[in-house]
Amino acid sequence: LPVTIRLLDPPLHEFLPEGDINEIVANLSSDTNVSEDEVFSRIEKLSEVNPMLGFRGC
């Protein structure tokens, strides 16, 4: 008999650091020499409407 094993990936937000978003963005922008506006822009692009669904088809 064939066996199917499904691996469930946890949502993206479980891998992100917890804490004050402004402090995290400030640290990230200083470490990477990227402006805080660019970091916030990237965060908005990667935000999920329903984090339990994940990015389907990407």
N, C-alpha and C. Protein backbone atom coordinates (compact mmCIF):
# COMPACT_ATOMS: atom_id res chain seq x y z
N LEU A 1 0.83 -1.19 0.00
CA LEU A 1 0.00 0.00 0.00
C LEU A 1 0.87 1.25 0.00
N PRO A 2 0.52 2.24 -0.82
CA PRO A 2 1.28 3.49 -0.81
C PRO A 2 1.00 4.29 0.47
N VAL A 3 2.01 4.97 0.91
CA VAL A 3 1.90 5.79 2.12
C VAL A 3 2.14 7.24 1.74
N THR A 4 1.27 8.12 2.22
CA THR A 4 1.42 9.55 1.99
C THR A 4 1.78 10.22 3.31
N ILE A 5 2.87 10.96 3.29
CA ILE A 5 3.29 11.72 4.47
C ILE A 5 3.21 13.19 4.11
N ARG A 6 2.43 13.93 4.84
CA ARG A 6 2.28 15.36 4.57
C ARG A 6 3.05 16.14 5.63
N LEU A 7 3.92 16.99 5.16
CA LEU A 7 4.69 17.84 6.07
C LEU A 7 3.99 19.18 6.18
N LEU A 8 3.62 19.57 7.37
CA LEU A 8 2.93 20.84 7.59
C LEU A 8 3.95 21.90 7.96
N ASP A 9 4.00 22.94 7.17
CA ASP A 9 4.90 24.05 7.44
C ASP A 9 4.21 25.04 8.37
N PRO A 10 4.89 25.46 9.43
CA PRO A 10 4.28 26.46 10.30
C PRO A 10 4.18 27.81 9.57
N PRO A 11 3.25 28.66 9.97
CA PRO A 11 3.10 29.98 9.35
C PRO A 11 4.36 30.83 9.54
N LEU A 12 4.55 31.77 8.63
CA LEU A 12 5.74 32.61 8.63
C LEU A 12 5.92 33.39 9.93
N HIS A 13 4.82 33.83 10.54
CA HIS A 13 4.95 34.66 11.74
C HIS A 13 5.58 33.91 12.91
N GLU A 14 5.60 32.58 12.87
CA GLU A 14 6.23 31.82 13.96
C GLU A 14 7.75 31.89 13.90
N PHE A 15 8.31 32.30 12.77
CA PHE A 15 9.76 32.39 12.62
C PHE A 15 10.28 33.81 12.87
N LEU A 16 9.40 34.77 13.00
CA LEU A 16 9.81 36.16 13.16
C LEU A 16 10.06 36.49 14.63
N PRO A 17 10.97 37.42 14.89
CA PRO A 17 11.25 37.78 16.29
C PRO A 17 10.07 38.52 16.91
N GLU A 18 9.94 38.36 18.21
CA GLU A 18 8.88 39.05 18.94
C GLU A 18 9.47 40.29 19.61
N GLY A 19 8.65 41.29 19.80
CA GLY A 19 9.11 42.50 20.47
C GLY A 19 8.56 43.72 19.77
N ASP A 20 9.09 44.87 20.15
CA ASP A 20 8.66 46.14 19.57
C ASP A 20 9.15 46.24 18.13
N ILE A 21 8.22 46.41 17.20
CA ILE A 21 8.56 46.40 15.77
C ILE A 21 9.49 47.56 15.42
N ASN A 22 9.32 48.71 16.06
CA ASN A 22 10.18 49.86 15.75
C ASN A 22 11.63 49.59 16.16
N GLU A 23 11.81 48.93 17.30
CA GLU A 23 13.16 48.59 17.76
C GLU A 23 13.80 47.55 16.84
N ILE A 24 13.02 46.57 16.44
CA ILE A 24 13.53 45.52 15.55
C ILE A 24 13.93 46.12 14.20
N VAL A 25 13.09 47.00 13.66
CA VAL A 25 13.38 47.63 12.37
C VAL A 25 14.62 48.52 12.48
N ALA A 26 14.74 49.25 13.58
CA ALA A 26 15.92 50.11 13.77
C ALA A 26 17.19 49.28 13.81
N ASN A 27 17.17 48.17 14.54
CA ASN A 27 18.35 47.30 14.60
C ASN A 27 18.66 46.69 13.24
N LEU A 28 17.63 46.24 12.55
CA LEU A 28 17.83 45.62 11.24
C LEU A 28 18.37 46.62 10.23
N SER A 29 17.82 47.83 10.23
CA SER A 29 18.28 48.82 9.26
C SER A 29 19.72 49.26 9.54
N SER A 30 20.10 49.34 10.81
CA SER A 30 21.49 49.72 11.11
C SER A 30 22.46 48.58 10.79
N ASP A 31 22.03 47.34 10.97
CA ASP A 31 22.89 46.19 10.67
C ASP A 31 23.09 45.98 9.18
N THR A 32 22.07 46.32 8.38
CA THR A 32 22.11 46.03 6.94
C THR A 32 22.32 47.27 6.07
N ASN A 33 22.42 48.45 6.68
CA ASN A 33 22.57 49.71 5.94
C ASN A 33 21.43 49.94 4.95
N VAL A 34 20.23 49.57 5.37
CA VAL A 34 19.01 49.79 4.59
C VAL A 34 18.15 50.75 5.40
N SER A 35 17.48 51.68 4.72
CA SER A 35 16.67 52.66 5.45
C SER A 35 15.48 51.98 6.13
N GLU A 36 15.01 52.60 7.20
CA GLU A 36 13.87 52.05 7.93
C GLU A 36 12.63 52.02 7.06
N ASP A 37 12.47 53.01 6.17
CA ASP A 37 11.32 53.02 5.27
C ASP A 37 11.33 51.81 4.35
N GLU A 38 12.51 51.43 3.86
CA GLU A 38 12.61 50.26 2.99
C GLU A 38 12.30 48.98 3.75
N VAL A 39 12.73 48.91 5.00
CA VAL A 39 12.44 47.73 5.82
C VAL A 39 10.94 47.62 6.06
N PHE A 40 10.29 48.73 6.43
CA PHE A 40 8.84 48.71 6.64
C PHE A 40 8.10 48.36 5.35
N SER A 41 8.59 48.85 4.22
CA SER A 41 7.98 48.52 2.93
C SER A 41 8.06 47.02 2.66
N ARG A 42 9.21 46.42 2.93
CA ARG A 42 9.38 44.98 2.73
C ARG A 42 8.48 44.18 3.67
N ILE A 43 8.34 44.66 4.91
CA ILE A 43 7.46 43.98 5.87
C ILE A 43 6.03 43.99 5.37
N GLU A 44 5.58 45.13 4.84
CA GLU A 44 4.21 45.22 4.32
C GLU A 44 4.01 44.28 3.14
N LYS A 45 5.02 44.16 2.28
CA LYS A 45 4.91 43.27 1.12
C LYS A 45 4.82 41.81 1.54
N LEU A 46 5.48 41.45 2.64
CA LEU A 46 5.51 40.06 3.08
C LEU A 46 4.41 39.71 4.09
N SER A 47 3.62 40.70 4.49
CA SER A 47 2.56 40.44 5.46
C SER A 47 1.47 39.59 4.83
N GLU A 48 0.93 38.67 5.62
CA GLU A 48 -0.11 37.78 5.15
C GLU A 48 -1.45 38.21 5.71
N VAL A 49 -2.50 38.08 4.91
CA VAL A 49 -3.83 38.41 5.39
C VAL A 49 -4.26 37.39 6.43
N ASN A 50 -4.06 36.12 6.12
CA ASN A 50 -4.37 35.04 7.05
C ASN A 50 -3.10 34.21 7.23
N PRO A 51 -2.35 34.40 8.31
CA PRO A 51 -1.07 33.72 8.45
C PRO A 51 -1.17 32.20 8.51
N MET A 52 -2.33 31.66 8.82
CA MET A 52 -2.46 30.21 8.88
C MET A 52 -2.49 29.59 7.48
N LEU A 53 -2.78 30.38 6.45
CA LEU A 53 -2.79 29.85 5.09
C LEU A 53 -1.41 29.80 4.47
N GLY A 54 -0.54 30.71 4.86
CA GLY A 54 0.79 30.75 4.27
C GLY A 54 0.75 31.32 2.87
N PHE A 55 1.88 31.25 2.17
CA PHE A 55 1.94 31.72 0.79
C PHE A 55 1.68 30.54 -0.12
N ARG A 56 0.53 30.47 -0.71
CA ARG A 56 0.15 29.36 -1.58
C ARG A 56 0.65 29.63 -2.99
N GLY A 57 1.29 28.67 -3.57
CA GLY A 57 1.71 28.77 -4.97
C GLY A 57 2.95 29.60 -5.20
N CYS A 58 3.66 29.98 -4.14
CA CYS A 58 4.87 30.78 -4.33
C CYS A 58 6.07 29.89 -4.43
